[in-house]
C-alpha atoms as a PDB file:
ATOM      1  CA  MET A   1      -0.649 -48.301 -29.395  1.00  0.00           C
ATOM      2  CA  PHE A   2      -1.936 -45.146 -27.750  1.00  0.00           C
ATOM      3  CA  VAL A   3      -3.974 -45.169 -24.600  1.00  0.00           C
ATOM      4  CA  PHE A   4      -6.063 -42.126 -23.938  1.00  0.00           C
ATOM      5  CA  PHE A   5      -7.309 -41.452 -20.472  1.00  0.00           C
ATOM      6  CA  THR A   6      -9.990 -38.832 -20.404  1.00  0.00           C
ATOM      7  CA  ILE A   7     -11.371 -37.246 -17.294  1.00  0.00           C
ATOM      8  CA  PRO A   8     -15.107 -36.731 -17.487  1.00  0.00           C
ATOM      9  CA  TRP A   9     -16.253 -33.161 -16.937  1.00  0.00           C
ATOM     10  CA  ILE A  10     -18.669 -34.248 -14.259  1.00  0.00           C
ATOM     11  CA  PHE A  11     -15.685 -35.493 -12.231  1.00  0.00           C
ATOM     12  CA  VAL A  12     -13.958 -32.094 -12.528  1.00  0.00           C
ATOM     13  CA  ILE A  13     -17.148 -30.302 -11.494  1.00  0.00           C
ATOM     14  CA  ALA A  14     -17.562 -32.674  -8.535  1.00  0.00           C
ATOM     15  CA  LEU A  15     -14.004 -31.939  -7.387  1.00  0.00           C
ATOM     16  CA  VAL A  16     -14.626 -28.183  -7.558  1.00  0.00           C
ATOM     17  CA  VAL A  17     -17.866 -28.519  -5.598  1.00  0.00           C
ATOM     18  CA  MET A  18     -16.148 -30.674  -2.948  1.00  0.00           C
ATOM     19  CA  ALA A  19     -13.321 -28.128  -2.605  1.00  0.00           C
ATOM     20  CA  LEU A  20     -15.868 -25.331  -2.212  1.00  0.00           C
ATOM     21  CA  GLY A  21     -17.705 -27.375   0.408  1.00  0.00           C
ATOM     22  CA  VAL A  22     -14.531 -27.860   2.457  1.00  0.00           C
ATOM     23  CA  GLY A  23     -13.723 -24.154   2.130  1.00  0.00           C
ATOM     24  CA  VAL A  24     -17.171 -23.172   3.291  1.00  0.00           C
ATOM     25  CA  SER A  25     -16.958 -25.393   6.347  1.00  0.00           C
ATOM     26  CA  VAL A  26     -13.569 -23.924   7.286  1.00  0.00           C
ATOM     27  CA  LEU A  27     -14.834 -20.364   6.866  1.00  0.00           C
ATOM     28  CA  GLN A  28     -17.973 -21.150   8.852  1.00  0.00           C
ATOM     29  CA  PHE A  29     -15.844 -22.634  11.648  1.00  0.00           C
ATOM     30  CA  ILE A  30     -13.743 -19.461  11.727  1.00  0.00           C
ATOM     31  CA  LEU A  31     -16.833 -17.271  11.928  1.00  0.00           C
ATOM     32  CA  ASP A  32     -18.426 -19.387  14.650  1.00  0.00           C
ATOM     33  CA  HIS A  33     -15.317 -19.381  16.839  1.00  0.00           C
ATOM     34  CA  ILE A  34     -13.819 -15.977  16.027  1.00  0.00           C
ATOM     35  CA  ILE A  35     -13.616 -14.834  19.660  1.00  0.00           C
ATOM     36  CA  ILE A  36     -11.637 -17.890  20.759  1.00  0.00           C
ATOM     37  CA  ILE A  37      -9.401 -17.710  17.686  1.00  0.00           C
ATOM     38  CA  SER A  38      -8.772 -14.016  18.347  1.00  0.00           C
ATOM     39  CA  ILE A  39      -7.738 -14.674  21.927  1.00  0.00           C
ATOM     40  CA  ILE A  40      -5.447 -17.506  20.856  1.00  0.00           C
ATOM     41  CA  LEU A  41      -3.830 -15.261  18.239  1.00  0.00           C
ATOM     42  CA  TRP A  42      -3.489 -12.051  20.224  1.00  0.00           C
ATOM     43  CA  LEU A  43      -2.342 -13.329  23.625  1.00  0.00           C
ATOM     44  CA  PRO A  44       1.075 -14.451  22.319  1.00  0.00           C
ATOM     45  CA  VAL A  45       1.430 -11.152  20.437  1.00  0.00           C
ATOM     46  CA  ALA A  46       0.680  -9.215  23.629  1.00  0.00           C
ATOM     47  CA  TRP A  47       3.067 -11.382  25.640  1.00  0.00           C
ATOM     48  CA  VAL A  48       5.942 -10.930  23.169  1.00  0.00           C
ATOM     49  CA  THR A  49       5.316  -7.193  23.045  1.00  0.00           C
ATOM     50  CA  TRP A  50       5.296  -6.945  26.837  1.00  0.00           C
ATOM     51  CA  THR A  51       8.513  -8.945  27.227  1.00  0.00           C
ATOM     52  CA  MET A  52      10.239  -6.908  24.512  1.00  0.00           C
ATOM     53  CA  TRP A  53       9.168  -3.699  26.216  1.00  0.00           C
ATOM     54  CA  LYS A  54      10.003  -4.679  29.772  1.00  0.00           C
ATOM     55  CA  TYR A  55      12.966  -7.022  29.852  1.00  0.00           C
ATOM     56  CA  TYR A  56      15.155  -6.227  26.876  1.00  0.00           C
ATOM     57  CA  ASP A  57      17.557  -3.340  26.721  1.00  0.00           C
ATOM     58  CA  ASP A  58      16.572  -2.301  23.228  1.00  0.00           C
ATOM     59  CA  ASP A  59      16.668   1.287  22.203  1.00  0.00           C
ATOM     60  CA  ASP A  60      13.488   3.315  22.312  1.00  0.00           C
ATOM     61  CA  ASP A  61      12.944   3.165  18.544  1.00  0.00           C
ATOM     62  CA  GLU A  62      12.642  -0.613  18.621  1.00  0.00           C
ATOM     63  CA  LYS A  63      10.356  -0.504  21.658  1.00  0.00           C
ATOM     64  CA  VAL A  64       7.978   1.898  19.916  1.00  0.00           C
ATOM     65  CA  GLU A  65       8.013  -0.259  16.787  1.00  0.00           C
ATOM     66  CA  CYS A  66       7.288  -3.435  18.781  1.00  0.00           C
ATOM     67  CA  VAL A  67       4.170  -1.735  20.196  1.00  0.00           C
ATOM     68  CA  LEU A  68       2.911   0.023  17.074  1.00  0.00           C
ATOM     69  CA  TYR A  69       3.192  -2.826  14.564  1.00  0.00           C
ATOM     70  CA  PRO A  70       0.977  -5.253  16.557  1.00  0.00           C
ATOM     71  CA  LEU A  71      -1.359  -2.370  17.399  1.00  0.00           C
ATOM     72  CA  PHE A  72      -2.009  -1.694  13.724  1.00  0.00           C
ATOM     73  CA  LEU A  73      -2.485  -5.373  12.975  1.00  0.00           C
ATOM     74  CA  VAL A  74      -5.785  -5.140  14.900  1.00  0.00           C
ATOM     75  CA  PRO A  75      -7.535  -3.023  12.198  1.00  0.00           C
ATOM     76  CA  ALA A  76      -6.094  -5.301   9.523  1.00  0.00           C
ATOM     77  CA  TYR A  77      -7.414  -8.311  11.429  1.00  0.00           C
ATOM     78  CA  ALA A  78     -10.881  -6.731  11.652  1.00  0.00           C
ATOM     79  CA  ALA A  79     -10.856  -6.033   7.920  1.00  0.00           C
ATOM     80  CA  ILE A  80      -9.811  -9.592   7.078  1.00  0.00           C
ATOM     81  CA  ILE A  81     -12.623 -10.992   9.230  1.00  0.00           C
ATOM     82  CA  GLN A  82     -15.119  -8.764   7.415  1.00  0.00           C
ATOM     83  CA  ILE A  83     -13.722  -9.913   4.074  1.00  0.00           C
ATOM     84  CA  ILE A  84     -14.294 -13.524   5.164  1.00  0.00           C
ATOM     85  CA  VAL A  85     -17.881 -12.609   6.086  1.00  0.00           C
ATOM     86  CA  SER A  86     -18.422 -11.055   2.656  1.00  0.00           C
ATOM     87  CA  VAL A  87     -17.030 -14.179   0.977  1.00  0.00           C
ATOM     88  CA  MET A  88     -19.459 -16.314   2.979  1.00  0.00           C
ATOM     89  CA  GLU A  89     -22.388 -14.079   2.032  1.00  0.00           C
ATOM     90  CA  ALA A  90     -21.396 -14.161  -1.637  1.00  0.00           C
ATOM     91  CA  LEU A  91     -21.136 -17.932  -1.538  1.00  0.00           C
ATOM     92  CA  GLU A  92     -24.580 -18.133  -0.004  1.00  0.00           C
ATOM     93  CA  ASN A  93     -26.289 -15.628  -2.290  1.00  0.00           C
ATOM     94  CA  ASP A  94     -24.356 -15.143  -5.516  1.00  0.00           C
ATOM     95  CA  LEU A  95     -22.057 -17.782  -6.973  1.00  0.00           C
ATOM     96  CA  PHE A  96     -20.818 -15.489  -9.761  1.00  0.00           C
ATOM     97  CA  GLY A  97     -19.894 -12.854  -7.175  1.00  0.00           C
ATOM     98  CA  PHE A  98     -18.074 -15.522  -5.211  1.00  0.00           C
ATOM     99  CA  PHE A  99     -15.916 -16.426  -8.205  1.00  0.00           C
ATOM    100  CA  LEU A 100     -15.162 -12.733  -8.797  1.00  0.00           C
ATOM    101  CA  MET A 101     -13.848 -12.585  -5.248  1.00  0.00           C
ATOM    102  CA  PHE A 102     -10.967 -14.866  -6.208  1.00  0.00           C
ATOM    103  CA  PHE A 103      -9.469 -11.786  -7.878  1.00  0.00           C
ATOM    104  CA  THR A 104     -10.596  -9.049  -5.504  1.00  0.00           C
ATOM    105  CA  VAL A 105     -10.038 -10.581  -2.061  1.00  0.00           C
ATOM    106  CA  PRO A 106      -6.232 -10.937  -2.332  1.00  0.00           C
ATOM    107  CA  LEU A 107      -6.030  -7.352  -3.561  1.00  0.00           C
ATOM    108  CA  GLU A 108      -8.211  -6.120  -0.684  1.00  0.00           C
ATOM    109  CA  VAL A 109      -6.070  -7.952   1.881  1.00  0.00           C
ATOM    110  CA  ILE A 110      -2.864  -6.519   0.401  1.00  0.00           C
ATOM    111  CA  ILE A 111      -4.314  -2.988   0.391  1.00  0.00           C
ATOM    112  CA  VAL A 112      -5.401  -3.279   4.031  1.00  0.00           C
ATOM    113  CA  LEU A 113      -2.047  -4.668   5.192  1.00  0.00           C
ATOM    114  CA  VAL A 114      -0.041  -2.092   3.231  1.00  0.00           C
ATOM    115  CA  GLY A 115      -2.249   0.700   4.558  1.00  0.00           C
ATOM    116  CA  CYS A 116      -1.905  -0.377   8.186  1.00  0.00           C
ATOM    117  CA  MET A 117       1.838  -0.927   7.963  1.00  0.00           C
ATOM    118  CA  GLY A 118       2.235   2.394   6.113  1.00  0.00           C
ATOM    119  CA  ILE A 119       0.497   4.239   8.930  1.00  0.00           C
ATOM    120  CA  THR A 120       2.756   2.460  11.412  1.00  0.00           C
ATOM    121  CA  TRP A 121       5.837   3.394   9.431  1.00  0.00           C
ATOM    122  CA  ALA A 122       4.675   7.031   9.342  1.00  0.00           C
ATOM    123  CA  LEU A 123       4.144   7.065  13.107  1.00  0.00           C
ATOM    124  CA  VAL A 124       7.589   5.565  13.729  1.00  0.00           C
ATOM    125  CA  TRP A 125       9.089   8.170  11.414  1.00  0.00           C
ATOM    126  CA  LEU A 126       7.222  10.928  13.287  1.00  0.00           C
ATOM    127  CA  TYR A 127       8.531   9.520  16.557  1.00  0.00           C
ATOM    128  CA  LYS A 128      12.117   9.576  15.328  1.00  0.00           C
ATOM    129  CA  LYS A 129      12.012  13.006  13.685  1.00  0.00           C
ATOM    130  CA  VAL A 130       9.315  15.104  15.370  1.00  0.00           C
ATOM    131  CA  ILE A 131       7.558  13.720  18.449  1.00  0.00           C
ATOM    132  CA  LYS A 132      10.460  12.167  20.418  1.00  0.00           C
ATOM    133  CA  SER A 133       8.100  10.833  23.119  1.00  0.00           C
ATOM    134  CA  LYS A 134       7.192   7.160  23.416  1.00  0.00           C
ATOM    135  CA  LEU A 135       3.970   7.821  25.323  1.00  0.00           C
ATOM    136  CA  VAL A 136       2.686  10.458  22.911  1.00  0.00           C
ATOM    137  CA  THR A 137       3.491   8.274  19.897  1.00  0.00           C
ATOM    138  CA  ILE A 138       1.757   5.207  21.346  1.00  0.00           C
ATOM    139  CA  VAL A 139      -1.299   7.225  22.414  1.00  0.00           C
ATOM    140  CA  LEU A 140      -1.446   8.802  18.941  1.00  0.00           C
ATOM    141  CA  GLY A 141      -1.204   5.307  17.432  1.00  0.00           C
ATOM    142  CA  ALA A 142      -4.046   4.081  19.650  1.00  0.00           C
ATOM    143  CA  LEU A 143      -6.142   7.129  18.709  1.00  0.00           C
ATOM    144  CA  VAL A 144      -5.626   6.346  15.021  1.00  0.00           C
ATOM    145  CA  ALA A 145      -6.037   2.556  15.328  1.00  0.00           C
ATOM    146  CA  ALA A 146      -9.298   2.656  17.329  1.00  0.00           C
ATOM    147  CA  PRO A 147     -11.477   4.514  14.767  1.00  0.00           C
ATOM    148  CA  MET A 148      -9.723   2.672  11.965  1.00  0.00           C
ATOM    149  CA  THR A 149     -10.684  -0.658  13.555  1.00  0.00           C
ATOM    150  CA  TYR A 150     -14.260   0.546  14.066  1.00  0.00           C
ATOM    151  CA  PHE A 151     -14.506   1.694  10.446  1.00  0.00           C
ATOM    152  CA  LEU A 152     -13.022  -1.495   8.983  1.00  0.00           C
ATOM    153  CA  TRP A 153     -15.155  -3.702  11.232  1.00  0.00           C
ATOM    154  CA  ASN A 154     -18.379  -1.989  10.134  1.00  0.00           C
ATOM    155  CA  LEU A 155     -17.417  -1.763   6.466  1.00  0.00           C
ATOM    156  CA  ASN A 156     -19.383  -4.014   4.135  1.00  0.00           C
ATOM    157  CA  TRP A 157     -16.939  -5.301   1.556  1.00  0.00           C
END
């Protein structure tokens, strides 16, 4: 004797809609409280960077890296927040566009992270081979990261 258990399609559709509803509420919470979340995320990063810079007897290469890598996470963070905003707008306006974002959003995040870490790697390489000054390298990193953050924050994905 065979027993077949079939799942009605309406049940599958209801599960997808419920999952989308939970996702929307989480994204909306992030957007509503982004300032508080940013402070909670970046204060420990700043504290670890400061303690690595001040109290440890690391060589100068590691000190420059421990400043530049968190510095270039700020533009990546701004880009990820804007990607979340674009996902929310697509969910509100265009459901087909929202489903297309399942393929494009991970690629966009990877491109942003690889780009930011590549710039950091290039600056560390310049510090080791050409610049040889911690202050100049960090100021150059800040001068690159500031317009990059502004551009990525104002970019409409």
